[in-house]
Amino acid sequence: MSQIKETLHDEIEDGQRKVFYKEISDFIFSDNEYAIIFNQNIKKGFTSNLQLRYCDIGDVRYQEQNPYKHTEYANRALRGERIIWGMKTGKWLSIINGELKK
């Protein structure tokens, strides 16, 4: 997979991306089951094995970091950082504490 540097959603204007990723982060880590993000009704799901939170927006899955992996990001998640991975066939991005990281 290759890291993408800007967006997995070409339809979102540059000026709105910061708000978009913050809303995804806030939703994933909230107690809410549903949210409206950029005029889309989004449902939160949980992975079957580890119960990691995720949501699908279009063909992109946003999923919280697995804290049980042996990686720097897992350690950061265990220390309380809010880490999400956006994944689309062959591409990914990271959202850390509500901000897109490049």
N, C-alpha and C. Protein backbone atom coordinates (compact mmCIF):
# COMPACT_ATOMS: atom_id res chain seq x y z
N MET A 1 0.84 -1.18 0.00
CA MET A 1 0.00 0.00 0.00
C MET A 1 0.88 1.24 0.00
N SER A 2 0.40 2.26 -0.64
CA SER A 2 1.15 3.51 -0.65
C SER A 2 0.42 4.57 0.15
N GLN A 3 1.19 5.39 0.83
CA GLN A 3 0.58 6.47 1.60
C GLN A 3 0.13 7.56 0.64
N ILE A 4 -1.05 8.10 0.90
CA ILE A 4 -1.50 9.25 0.14
C ILE A 4 -1.31 10.46 1.01
N LYS A 5 -1.08 11.59 0.40
CA LYS A 5 -0.70 12.75 1.17
C LYS A 5 -1.81 13.74 1.40
N GLU A 6 -2.93 13.62 0.73
CA GLU A 6 -3.95 14.64 0.89
C GLU A 6 -5.32 14.10 1.24
N THR A 7 -5.88 13.30 0.38
CA THR A 7 -7.25 12.85 0.65
C THR A 7 -7.54 11.56 -0.07
N LEU A 8 -8.48 10.84 0.46
CA LEU A 8 -9.03 9.67 -0.21
C LEU A 8 -10.36 10.04 -0.84
N HIS A 9 -10.79 11.27 -0.61
CA HIS A 9 -12.07 11.77 -1.12
C HIS A 9 -11.81 12.98 -2.00
N ASP A 10 -11.75 12.77 -3.29
CA ASP A 10 -11.47 13.87 -4.22
C ASP A 10 -12.56 14.93 -4.22
N GLU A 11 -13.78 14.55 -3.78
CA GLU A 11 -14.90 15.49 -3.84
C GLU A 11 -14.85 16.55 -2.73
N ILE A 12 -13.95 16.39 -1.76
CA ILE A 12 -13.87 17.36 -0.66
C ILE A 12 -12.85 18.42 -1.02
N GLU A 13 -13.28 19.65 -0.94
CA GLU A 13 -12.40 20.78 -1.27
C GLU A 13 -11.30 20.91 -0.24
N ASP A 14 -10.16 21.46 -0.68
CA ASP A 14 -9.00 21.61 0.19
C ASP A 14 -9.34 22.28 1.52
N GLY A 15 -10.12 23.33 1.49
CA GLY A 15 -10.44 24.09 2.69
C GLY A 15 -11.33 23.34 3.67
N GLN A 16 -11.97 22.27 3.22
CA GLN A 16 -12.88 21.51 4.07
C GLN A 16 -12.25 20.23 4.64
N ARG A 17 -11.08 19.87 4.17
CA ARG A 17 -10.48 18.60 4.59
C ARG A 17 -10.17 18.57 6.09
N LYS A 18 -9.67 19.66 6.62
CA LYS A 18 -9.33 19.69 8.04
C LYS A 18 -10.58 19.43 8.89
N VAL A 19 -11.69 20.06 8.53
CA VAL A 19 -12.96 19.87 9.24
C VAL A 19 -13.43 18.42 9.08
N PHE A 20 -13.34 17.89 7.86
CA PHE A 20 -13.77 16.52 7.56
C PHE A 20 -13.03 15.52 8.44
N TYR A 21 -11.71 15.60 8.51
CA TYR A 21 -10.94 14.63 9.28
C TYR A 21 -11.17 14.79 10.78
N LYS A 22 -11.37 15.99 11.24
CA LYS A 22 -11.69 16.23 12.66
C LYS A 22 -13.04 15.60 12.99
N GLU A 23 -14.03 15.76 12.12
CA GLU A 23 -15.35 15.17 12.36
C GLU A 23 -15.28 13.65 12.39
N ILE A 24 -14.50 13.05 11.52
CA ILE A 24 -14.33 11.59 11.53
C ILE A 24 -13.71 11.15 12.85
N SER A 25 -12.67 11.82 13.26
CA SER A 25 -12.00 11.47 14.52
C SER A 25 -12.94 11.61 15.71
N ASP A 26 -13.64 12.72 15.78
CA ASP A 26 -14.57 12.93 16.89
C ASP A 26 -15.64 11.84 16.92
N PHE A 27 -16.14 11.46 15.76
CA PHE A 27 -17.18 10.43 15.69
C PHE A 27 -16.65 9.06 16.10
N ILE A 28 -15.53 8.64 15.54
CA ILE A 28 -14.98 7.31 15.85
C ILE A 28 -14.79 7.14 17.35
N PHE A 29 -14.31 8.19 18.02
CA PHE A 29 -14.00 8.08 19.45
C PHE A 29 -15.15 8.53 20.35
N SER A 30 -16.32 8.76 19.78
CA SER A 30 -17.49 9.15 20.58
C SER A 30 -18.29 7.91 20.96
N ASP A 31 -19.32 8.13 21.77
CA ASP A 31 -20.24 7.05 22.12
C ASP A 31 -21.39 6.95 21.13
N ASN A 32 -21.43 7.82 20.15
CA ASN A 32 -22.53 7.86 19.18
C ASN A 32 -22.43 6.70 18.19
N GLU A 33 -23.58 6.16 17.85
CA GLU A 33 -23.63 5.08 16.86
C GLU A 33 -23.74 5.63 15.44
N TYR A 34 -24.33 6.83 15.30
CA TYR A 34 -24.52 7.45 13.99
C TYR A 34 -24.02 8.89 14.03
N ALA A 35 -23.66 9.39 12.85
CA ALA A 35 -23.28 10.79 12.71
C ALA A 35 -23.60 11.24 11.29
N ILE A 36 -23.76 12.53 11.12
CA ILE A 36 -23.87 13.10 9.79
C ILE A 36 -22.57 13.84 9.54
N ILE A 37 -21.84 13.34 8.55
CA ILE A 37 -20.55 13.92 8.20
C ILE A 37 -20.62 14.32 6.74
N PHE A 38 -20.49 15.61 6.50
CA PHE A 38 -20.57 16.16 5.14
C PHE A 38 -21.82 15.65 4.42
N ASN A 39 -22.96 15.81 5.08
CA ASN A 39 -24.27 15.48 4.54
C ASN A 39 -24.48 13.98 4.27
N GLN A 40 -23.69 13.14 4.89
CA GLN A 40 -23.86 11.70 4.75
C GLN A 40 -24.17 11.11 6.12
N ASN A 41 -25.18 10.25 6.19
CA ASN A 41 -25.50 9.56 7.43
C ASN A 41 -24.54 8.38 7.56
N ILE A 42 -23.70 8.40 8.60
CA ILE A 42 -22.64 7.41 8.77
C ILE A 42 -22.93 6.58 10.02
N LYS A 43 -22.77 5.27 9.90
CA LYS A 43 -22.95 4.36 11.03
C LYS A 43 -21.59 3.84 11.47
N LYS A 44 -21.39 3.80 12.77
CA LYS A 44 -20.15 3.24 13.31
C LYS A 44 -20.29 1.73 13.42
N GLY A 45 -19.22 1.03 13.13
CA GLY A 45 -19.18 -0.42 13.28
C GLY A 45 -18.02 -0.80 14.19
N PHE A 46 -17.93 -2.09 14.46
CA PHE A 46 -16.86 -2.63 15.29
C PHE A 46 -16.32 -3.88 14.62
N THR A 47 -15.00 -4.01 14.55
CA THR A 47 -14.43 -5.21 13.96
C THR A 47 -14.83 -6.42 14.80
N SER A 48 -14.93 -7.56 14.16
CA SER A 48 -15.45 -8.74 14.85
C SER A 48 -14.49 -9.28 15.91
N ASN A 49 -13.22 -9.21 15.65
CA ASN A 49 -12.30 -9.86 16.58
C ASN A 49 -11.87 -8.96 17.74
N LEU A 50 -11.43 -7.74 17.48
CA LEU A 50 -10.90 -6.87 18.55
C LEU A 50 -11.84 -5.75 18.95
N GLN A 51 -12.98 -5.66 18.27
CA GLN A 51 -13.95 -4.61 18.56
C GLN A 51 -13.36 -3.21 18.36
N LEU A 52 -12.53 -3.06 17.33
CA LEU A 52 -12.00 -1.75 16.98
C LEU A 52 -13.09 -0.96 16.27
N ARG A 53 -13.20 0.31 16.58
CA ARG A 53 -14.23 1.15 15.98
C ARG A 53 -13.83 1.56 14.56
N TYR A 54 -14.85 1.62 13.68
CA TYR A 54 -14.61 2.06 12.31
C TYR A 54 -15.87 2.67 11.73
N CYS A 55 -15.70 3.38 10.63
CA CYS A 55 -16.84 3.81 9.83
C CYS A 55 -16.41 3.80 8.38
N ASP A 56 -17.38 3.55 7.51
CA ASP A 56 -17.14 3.54 6.07
C ASP A 56 -17.80 4.77 5.47
N ILE A 57 -17.01 5.52 4.71
CA ILE A 57 -17.53 6.69 4.00
C ILE A 57 -17.17 6.48 2.54
N GLY A 58 -18.18 6.22 1.73
CA GLY A 58 -17.92 5.85 0.34
C GLY A 58 -17.14 4.55 0.32
N ASP A 59 -16.05 4.53 -0.42
CA ASP A 59 -15.23 3.32 -0.50
C ASP A 59 -14.00 3.39 0.39
N VAL A 60 -14.07 4.24 1.42
CA VAL A 60 -12.96 4.40 2.35
C VAL A 60 -13.38 3.92 3.73
N ARG A 61 -12.54 3.11 4.35
CA ARG A 61 -12.78 2.68 5.73
C ARG A 61 -11.83 3.48 6.64
N TYR A 62 -12.41 4.05 7.69
CA TYR A 62 -11.66 4.75 8.73
C TYR A 62 -11.74 3.89 9.98
N GLN A 63 -10.58 3.46 10.49
CA GLN A 63 -10.56 2.53 11.62
C GLN A 63 -9.54 2.97 12.64
N GLU A 64 -9.91 2.83 13.91
CA GLU A 64 -8.99 3.20 14.97
C GLU A 64 -7.78 2.28 14.97
N GLN A 65 -6.68 2.79 15.47
CA GLN A 65 -5.44 2.02 15.59
C GLN A 65 -5.64 0.83 16.52
N ASN A 66 -5.16 -0.31 16.11
CA ASN A 66 -5.15 -1.49 16.97
C ASN A 66 -4.08 -1.30 18.05
N PRO A 67 -4.49 -1.13 19.32
CA PRO A 67 -3.50 -0.88 20.37
C PRO A 67 -2.71 -2.12 20.77
N TYR A 68 -3.07 -3.29 20.25
CA TYR A 68 -2.41 -4.53 20.63
C TYR A 68 -1.28 -4.93 19.70
N LYS A 69 -1.06 -4.14 18.67
CA LYS A 69 0.07 -4.41 17.77
C LYS A 69 1.35 -3.94 18.45
N HIS A 70 2.45 -4.41 17.98
CA HIS A 70 3.74 -4.01 18.54
C HIS A 70 4.38 -2.97 17.64
N THR A 71 3.76 -1.78 17.63
CA THR A 71 4.25 -0.69 16.79
C THR A 71 4.26 0.61 17.58
N GLU A 72 4.96 1.58 17.05
CA GLU A 72 4.98 2.91 17.65
C GLU A 72 3.57 3.48 17.75
N TYR A 73 2.77 3.31 16.69
CA TYR A 73 1.42 3.86 16.69
C TYR A 73 0.54 3.18 17.73
N ALA A 74 0.71 1.89 17.92
CA ALA A 74 -0.05 1.19 18.96
C ALA A 74 0.32 1.71 20.34
N ASN A 75 1.60 1.91 20.57
CA ASN A 75 2.04 2.46 21.85
C ASN A 75 1.47 3.86 22.07
N ARG A 76 1.45 4.65 21.02
CA ARG A 76 0.88 5.99 21.13
C ARG A 76 -0.61 5.93 21.44
N ALA A 77 -1.32 4.98 20.82
CA ALA A 77 -2.75 4.81 21.09
C ALA A 77 -2.97 4.39 22.55
N LEU A 78 -2.13 3.52 23.05
CA LEU A 78 -2.24 3.10 24.45
C LEU A 78 -2.00 4.27 25.41
N ARG A 79 -1.20 5.23 24.98
CA ARG A 79 -0.94 6.42 25.82
C ARG A 79 -2.03 7.48 25.67
N GLY A 80 -3.07 7.18 24.86
CA GLY A 80 -4.21 8.07 24.78
C GLY A 80 -4.34 8.89 23.52
N GLU A 81 -3.40 8.75 22.58
CA GLU A 81 -3.55 9.48 21.32
C GLU A 81 -4.67 8.82 20.50
N ARG A 82 -5.40 9.64 19.78
CA ARG A 82 -6.52 9.16 18.96
C ARG A 82 -6.02 8.98 17.54
N ILE A 83 -5.73 7.74 17.18
CA ILE A 83 -5.13 7.43 15.88
C ILE A 83 -6.11 6.63 15.04
N ILE A 84 -6.32 7.11 13.82
CA ILE A 84 -7.23 6.47 12.87
C ILE A 84 -6.49 6.29 11.55
N TRP A 85 -6.78 5.18 10.91
CA TRP A 85 -6.24 4.92 9.57
C TRP A 85 -7.39 4.97 8.57
N GLY A 86 -7.19 5.73 7.49
CA GLY A 86 -8.11 5.74 6.37
C GLY A 86 -7.55 4.81 5.31
N MET A 87 -8.35 3.86 4.86
CA MET A 87 -7.85 2.85 3.92
C MET A 87 -8.77 2.73 2.71
N LYS A 88 -8.16 2.76 1.56
CA LYS A 88 -8.85 2.59 0.29
C LYS A 88 -7.93 1.71 -0.54
N THR A 89 -8.46 0.87 -1.34
CA THR A 89 -7.67 -0.10 -2.09
C THR A 89 -6.30 0.45 -2.49
N GLY A 90 -5.27 -0.09 -1.85
CA GLY A 90 -3.90 0.27 -2.18
C GLY A 90 -3.41 1.60 -1.64
N LYS A 91 -4.23 2.32 -0.88
CA LYS A 91 -3.83 3.63 -0.36
C LYS A 91 -4.25 3.75 1.10
N TRP A 92 -3.58 4.62 1.82
CA TRP A 92 -3.93 4.86 3.21
C TRP A 92 -3.51 6.25 3.64
N LEU A 93 -4.07 6.68 4.75
CA LEU A 93 -3.65 7.92 5.39
C LEU A 93 -3.84 7.76 6.88
N SER A 94 -3.22 8.64 7.65
CA SER A 94 -3.39 8.59 9.10
C SER A 94 -3.96 9.91 9.59
N ILE A 95 -4.83 9.78 10.59
CA ILE A 95 -5.41 10.93 11.26
C ILE A 95 -5.03 10.76 12.73
N ILE A 96 -4.27 11.71 13.23
CA ILE A 96 -3.80 11.62 14.62
C ILE A 96 -4.33 12.83 15.37
N ASN A 97 -5.10 12.52 16.42
CA ASN A 97 -5.71 13.57 17.25
C ASN A 97 -6.50 14.56 16.40
N GLY A 98 -7.23 14.02 15.42
CA GLY A 98 -8.11 14.84 14.59
C GLY A 98 -7.48 15.55 13.43
N GLU A 99 -6.18 15.35 13.22
CA GLU A 99 -5.49 16.04 12.12
C GLU A 99 -4.84 15.05 11.17
N LEU A 100 -4.97 15.33 9.88
CA LEU A 100 -4.34 14.52 8.86
C LEU A 100 -2.83 14.64 9.01
N LYS A 101 -2.14 13.51 9.02
CA LYS A 101 -0.68 13.50 9.11
C LYS A 101 -0.13 13.05 7.78
N LYS A 102 0.93 13.70 7.36
CA LYS A 102 1.55 13.38 6.06
C LYS A 102 2.87 12.69 6.27
